[in-house]
Protein backbone atom coordinates (compact mmCIF):
# COMPACT_ATOMS: atom_id res chain seq x y z
CA UNK A 1 0.00 0.00 0.00
CA UNK A 2 1.17 3.48 -0.70
CA UNK A 3 1.35 6.21 1.88
CA UNK A 4 -1.73 7.89 0.44
CA UNK A 5 -3.76 4.69 0.70
CA UNK A 6 -2.61 4.17 4.31
CA UNK A 7 -3.65 7.73 5.22
CA UNK A 8 -7.03 7.25 3.52
CA UNK A 9 -7.59 3.98 5.37
CA UNK A 10 -6.61 5.54 8.70
CA UNK A 11 -8.95 8.50 8.09
CA UNK A 12 -11.88 6.20 7.22
CA UNK A 13 -11.29 4.08 10.30
CA UNK A 14 -11.23 7.14 12.53
CA UNK A 15 -14.52 8.30 11.02
CA UNK A 16 -16.18 4.87 11.43
CA UNK A 17 -15.16 4.57 15.03
CA UNK A 18 -13.18 1.90 16.72
CA UNK A 19 -13.08 -1.51 15.11
CA UNK A 20 -12.62 -4.48 17.40
CA UNK A 21 -11.89 -8.03 16.46
CA UNK A 22 -13.55 -10.80 18.48
CA UNK A 23 -12.91 -14.49 18.47
CA UNK A 24 -15.70 -16.95 17.79
CA UNK A 25 -15.70 -18.01 21.45
CA UNK A 26 -16.07 -14.39 22.58
CA UNK A 27 -18.97 -13.86 20.19
CA UNK A 28 -20.67 -17.06 21.39
CA UNK A 29 -20.28 -15.94 25.02
CA UNK A 30 -21.72 -12.52 24.16
CA UNK A 31 -24.70 -14.14 22.42
CA UNK A 32 -25.27 -16.40 25.42
CA UNK A 33 -25.26 -13.40 27.78
CA UNK A 34 -27.69 -11.46 25.58
CA UNK A 35 -30.10 -14.40 25.40
CA UNK A 36 -29.87 -14.99 29.18
CA UNK A 37 -30.62 -11.30 29.86
CA UNK A 38 -33.60 -11.42 27.48
CA UNK A 39 -34.96 -14.55 29.16
CA UNK A 40 -34.55 -13.00 32.60
CA UNK A 41 -36.41 -9.84 31.53
CA UNK A 42 -39.15 -11.90 29.87
CA UNK A 43 -39.54 -14.09 32.98
CA UNK A 44 -39.72 -11.01 35.21
CA UNK A 45 -42.33 -9.44 32.92
CA UNK A 46 -44.44 -12.63 32.75
CA UNK A 47 -44.30 -13.04 36.54
CA UNK A 48 -45.50 -9.46 36.93
CA UNK A 49 -48.33 -9.98 34.41
CA UNK A 50 -49.33 -13.28 36.04
CA UNK A 51 -49.34 -11.74 39.54
CA UNK A 52 -51.58 -8.90 38.35
CA UNK A 53 -53.89 -11.38 36.61
CA UNK A 54 -53.84 -13.69 39.63
CA UNK A 55 -54.89 -10.97 42.05
CA UNK A 56 -57.61 -9.61 39.79
CA UNK A 57 -59.09 -12.93 38.76
CA UNK A 58 -58.73 -15.13 41.84
CA UNK A 59 -62.04 -14.16 43.45
CA UNK A 60 -63.96 -14.47 40.18
CA UNK A 61 -62.33 -17.81 39.46
CA UNK A 62 -63.13 -19.18 42.95
CA UNK A 63 -66.72 -18.02 42.61
CA UNK A 64 -67.03 -19.68 39.21
CA UNK A 65 -65.56 -22.97 40.47
CA UNK A 66 -67.90 -22.98 43.47
CA UNK A 67 -70.90 -22.37 41.21
CA UNK A 68 -69.86 -25.26 38.94
CA UNK A 69 -69.31 -27.52 41.95
CA UNK A 70 -72.75 -26.76 43.39
CA UNK A 71 -74.37 -27.18 39.97
CA UNK A 72 -72.77 -30.59 39.49
CA UNK A 73 -73.61 -31.58 43.04
CA UNK A 74 -77.25 -30.76 42.38
CA UNK A 75 -77.17 -32.74 39.12
CA UNK A 76 -75.85 -35.77 40.99
CA UNK A 77 -78.38 -35.49 43.80
CA UNK A 78 -81.52 -35.35 41.67
CA UNK A 79 -83.76 -38.32 41.11
CA UNK A 80 -84.23 -41.50 43.08
CA UNK A 81 -81.37 -43.16 44.96
CA UNK A 82 -81.15 -45.79 42.21
CA UNK A 83 -80.77 -43.09 39.56
CA UNK A 84 -78.08 -41.40 41.68
CA UNK A 85 -76.16 -44.67 41.94
CA UNK A 86 -76.49 -45.27 38.19
CA UNK A 87 -75.17 -41.76 37.54
CA UNK A 88 -72.19 -42.27 39.87
CA UNK A 89 -71.38 -45.67 38.34
CA UNK A 90 -71.57 -44.16 34.85
CA UNK A 91 -69.15 -41.45 35.93
CA UNK A 92 -66.86 -44.03 37.51
CA UNK A 93 -66.71 -46.15 34.36
CA UNK A 94 -66.36 -43.11 32.07
CA UNK A 95 -63.55 -41.62 34.18
CA UNK A 96 -61.70 -44.93 34.31
CA UNK A 97 -62.01 -45.50 30.56
CA UNK A 98 -60.91 -41.96 29.77
CA UNK A 99 -57.83 -42.19 32.02
CA UNK A 100 -56.82 -45.52 30.49
CA UNK A 101 -57.18 -44.16 26.95
CA UNK A 102 -55.65 -40.71 27.46
CA UNK A 103 -52.87 -41.43 29.95
CA UNK A 104 -52.00 -45.06 29.34
CA UNK A 105 -52.36 -45.19 25.56
CA UNK A 106 -55.19 -47.71 25.29
CA UNK A 107 -56.96 -47.65 21.95
CA UNK A 108 -60.34 -45.90 21.86
CA UNK A 109 -63.29 -47.54 20.14
CA UNK A 110 -64.01 -44.77 17.64
CA UNK A 111 -62.08 -45.43 14.49
CA UNK A 112 -61.08 -48.92 15.55
CA UNK A 113 -62.80 -52.25 15.12
CA UNK A 114 -65.12 -53.20 17.95
CA UNK A 115 -63.77 -56.55 19.03
CA UNK A 116 -63.68 -58.36 22.32
CA UNK A 117 -59.88 -58.29 22.10
CA UNK A 118 -59.79 -54.50 22.52
CA UNK A 119 -58.49 -53.72 26.02
CA UNK A 120 -61.00 -50.96 26.73
CA UNK A 121 -63.92 -53.26 25.83
CA UNK A 122 -62.55 -55.99 28.09
CA UNK A 123 -61.99 -53.47 30.90
CA UNK A 124 -65.53 -52.07 30.67
CA UNK A 125 -67.03 -55.56 30.59
CA UNK A 126 -64.96 -56.58 33.63
CA UNK A 127 -66.07 -53.52 35.61
CA UNK A 128 -69.72 -54.15 34.72
CA UNK A 129 -69.41 -57.83 35.73
CA UNK A 130 -67.83 -56.83 39.06
CA UNK A 131 -70.58 -54.25 39.69
CA UNK A 132 -73.24 -56.87 38.94
CA UNK A 133 -71.50 -59.35 41.27
CA UNK A 134 -71.45 -56.79 44.08
CA UNK A 135 -75.07 -55.72 43.46
CA UNK A 136 -76.30 -59.32 43.66
CA UNK A 137 -74.30 -60.12 46.79
CA UNK A 138 -76.41 -58.77 49.66
CA UNK A 139 -73.81 -59.72 52.28
CA UNK A 140 -71.15 -57.23 51.21
CA UNK A 141 -71.35 -53.47 51.56
CA UNK A 142 -69.12 -50.72 50.24
CA UNK A 143 -66.90 -50.62 53.33
CA UNK A 144 -66.49 -54.38 53.41
CA UNK A 145 -65.65 -54.46 49.70
CA UNK A 146 -63.05 -51.69 50.13
CA UNK A 147 -61.52 -53.50 53.13
CA UNK A 148 -61.40 -56.79 51.18
CA UNK A 149 -59.73 -55.04 48.21
CA UNK A 150 -57.15 -53.54 50.53
CA UNK A 151 -56.52 -56.89 52.21
CA UNK A 152 -56.19 -58.78 48.90
CA UNK A 153 -54.39 -56.21 46.75
CA UNK A 154 -53.01 -53.55 49.10
CA UNK A 155 -54.88 -50.72 47.40
CA UNK A 156 -57.17 -48.29 49.21
CA UNK A 157 -58.88 -45.03 48.33
CA UNK A 158 -59.66 -42.76 51.26
CA UNK A 159 -61.46 -39.46 51.72
CA UNK A 160 -59.32 -36.91 53.56
CA UNK A 161 -60.68 -33.65 54.84
CA UNK A 162 -58.49 -30.59 55.03
CA UNK A 163 -59.52 -27.16 56.28
CA UNK A 164 -61.09 -26.12 52.97
CA UNK A 165 -61.91 -29.26 51.02
CA UNK A 166 -62.34 -32.99 50.89
CA UNK A 167 -59.97 -34.97 48.67
CA UNK A 168 -59.82 -38.57 47.57
CA UNK A 169 -56.37 -40.01 47.99
CA UNK A 170 -54.81 -43.29 46.93
CA UNK A 171 -52.99 -45.17 49.67
CA UNK A 172 -50.56 -48.01 49.08
CA UNK A 173 -49.06 -49.30 52.31
């Protein structure tokens, strides 16, 4: 380069500001710090938004849940005792089937062939047979059946009351 070109280059660099050269590792570290700062700011912002939403909506949400609970409680407690039992047993079978299909990957009946080899069909038939067996056995009540199940298989469901609510818990001892 000639002296004139060197002077021109020096002048252009002084006009453009300072030029720094970074290594790839330094650039990667800078990018990591920028992303971490962005995430921290976004988390702080979302926590603030959620806290504002939580305080504003909590009472309305609790009121809505209580209304739904009372509505469903009234739906379950209408009709004769036999109708109430049928409703509860229908819920029990529907809940069990839904959990087995959604959480344990059992095949649903819609879109699949209805055969007696399908696990959900066999499960529903087994539950109905067990309910019929219990209904026709006058010597066993709900508490005796639960105690026998616990004695034979070590599984028990219990109702626990806390200060605000009653919960069903699964106990394996």
